[in-house]
Amino acid sequence: MAEPSSDAGDRQGARTEGLRLSPWNLLLLVPFLMLVTPWFNSIEPRLFGMPFFYWAQFAFVPVGVVCVAAVYLRTRDEPAPGAEDEPPDVDELDEGALGRGGAR
């Protein structure tokens, strides 16, 4: 097997930088506030006879959907850093080829 070229290691480093971090992703934490039940574990105020604990959970469903939709719409067009136009070569994808100097 041929040994990997010197630029293969550079491309591998670029792949680790492909994680896209955005401040919009913090909005995905809002639906997890629903899991902190002691904050809203009460009966009053009632809405249509339903205790607050239950109708607050129902209210959080659309809030969660709006948060996920907003993050999706704001982050979908951002290109991933280090993304390449052409797919990597088969030898580069072989997990035994990178970092071990070729053949086993």
Protein backbone atom coordinates (compact mmCIF):
# COMPACT_ATOMS: atom_id res chain seq x y z
CA MET A 1 0.00 0.00 0.00
CA ALA A 2 1.19 3.50 -0.72
CA GLU A 3 2.09 5.71 2.17
CA PRO A 4 -0.21 8.66 2.77
CA SER A 5 0.88 11.94 1.33
CA SER A 6 1.97 14.75 3.60
CA ASP A 7 -1.16 16.78 2.87
CA ALA A 8 -3.42 13.93 4.12
CA GLY A 9 -2.49 14.77 7.70
CA ASP A 10 -3.32 18.41 7.03
CA ARG A 11 -6.73 17.45 5.72
CA GLN A 12 -7.35 15.27 8.73
CA GLY A 13 -6.63 18.28 10.95
CA ALA A 14 -9.08 20.31 8.91
CA ARG A 15 -11.75 17.68 9.52
CA THR A 16 -11.45 18.10 13.26
CA GLU A 17 -12.10 21.80 12.75
CA GLY A 18 -15.30 21.00 10.84
CA LEU A 19 -17.41 21.23 13.99
CA ARG A 20 -19.60 24.25 13.57
CA LEU A 21 -20.10 26.29 16.71
CA SER A 22 -22.61 29.07 16.65
CA PRO A 23 -24.13 31.25 19.35
CA TRP A 24 -27.51 30.20 17.94
CA ASN A 25 -26.88 26.69 19.27
CA LEU A 26 -27.29 28.01 22.80
CA LEU A 27 -30.97 28.44 22.01
CA LEU A 28 -31.22 24.65 21.98
CA LEU A 29 -30.78 24.68 25.76
CA VAL A 30 -34.12 26.43 26.32
CA PRO A 31 -36.26 23.24 25.95
CA PHE A 32 -34.13 21.57 28.63
CA LEU A 33 -35.46 24.10 31.15
CA MET A 34 -38.61 22.00 31.14
CA LEU A 35 -36.70 19.26 32.93
CA VAL A 36 -36.22 21.42 36.02
CA THR A 37 -39.65 20.57 37.42
CA PRO A 38 -39.24 22.18 40.88
CA TRP A 39 -39.38 25.58 39.18
CA PHE A 40 -42.99 25.11 38.12
CA ASN A 41 -44.30 22.34 40.36
CA SER A 42 -47.45 24.10 41.55
CA ILE A 43 -51.18 23.95 41.10
CA GLU A 44 -51.91 27.65 40.71
CA PRO A 45 -52.45 29.46 38.36
CA ARG A 46 -54.96 27.23 36.63
CA LEU A 47 -55.81 27.47 32.95
CA PHE A 48 -59.20 26.02 31.96
CA GLY A 49 -59.13 24.02 35.22
CA MET A 50 -55.74 22.49 34.41
CA PRO A 51 -52.98 22.92 37.05
CA PHE A 52 -49.96 25.03 36.14
CA PHE A 53 -47.64 22.01 36.18
CA TYR A 54 -49.49 20.41 33.23
CA TRP A 55 -50.30 23.40 31.07
CA ALA A 56 -46.73 24.71 31.42
CA GLN A 57 -45.50 21.42 29.94
CA PHE A 58 -47.92 21.78 27.05
CA ALA A 59 -46.76 25.37 26.53
CA PHE A 60 -43.12 24.29 26.34
CA VAL A 61 -43.76 22.02 23.35
CA PRO A 62 -44.25 24.91 20.86
CA VAL A 63 -41.44 26.84 22.57
CA GLY A 64 -39.10 23.92 21.92
CA VAL A 65 -40.24 23.64 18.31
CA VAL A 66 -39.66 27.36 17.74
CA CYS A 67 -36.17 27.14 19.30
CA VAL A 68 -35.14 24.19 17.13
CA ALA A 69 -36.59 25.81 13.98
CA ALA A 70 -34.82 29.11 14.68
CA VAL A 71 -31.46 27.39 15.16
CA TYR A 72 -31.96 25.35 12.00
CA LEU A 73 -32.89 28.36 9.89
CA ARG A 74 -30.03 30.49 11.24
CA THR A 75 -27.28 27.87 10.91
CA ARG A 76 -28.17 25.81 7.83
CA ASP A 77 -26.49 28.05 5.24
CA GLU A 78 -23.19 28.42 7.07
CA PRO A 79 -20.52 26.43 5.24
CA ALA A 80 -18.50 24.08 7.38
CA PRO A 81 -14.91 25.33 7.73
CA GLY A 82 -12.44 23.12 5.96
CA ALA A 83 -15.10 21.50 3.76
CA GLU A 84 -13.71 20.19 0.49
CA ASP A 85 -15.44 20.13 -2.88
CA GLU A 86 -14.33 16.63 -3.82
CA PRO A 87 -14.78 13.59 -1.60
CA PRO A 88 -11.65 12.13 0.00
CA ASP A 89 -9.78 9.30 -1.67
CA VAL A 90 -10.54 5.72 -0.62
CA ASP A 91 -7.03 5.35 0.81
CA GLU A 92 -7.59 8.39 3.02
CA LEU A 93 -10.78 6.88 4.41
CA ASP A 94 -9.06 3.61 5.29
CA GLU A 95 -8.57 3.82 9.03
CA GLY A 96 -5.40 1.73 8.81
CA ALA A 97 -3.73 4.04 6.27
CA LEU A 98 -3.65 7.28 8.26
CA GLY A 99 -1.31 7.56 11.18
CA ARG A 100 0.27 4.12 10.82
CA GLY A 101 2.49 4.69 7.83
CA GLY A 102 0.50 2.63 5.33
CA ALA A 103 0.23 -1.16 5.46
CA ARG A 104 -0.23 -3.06 8.67
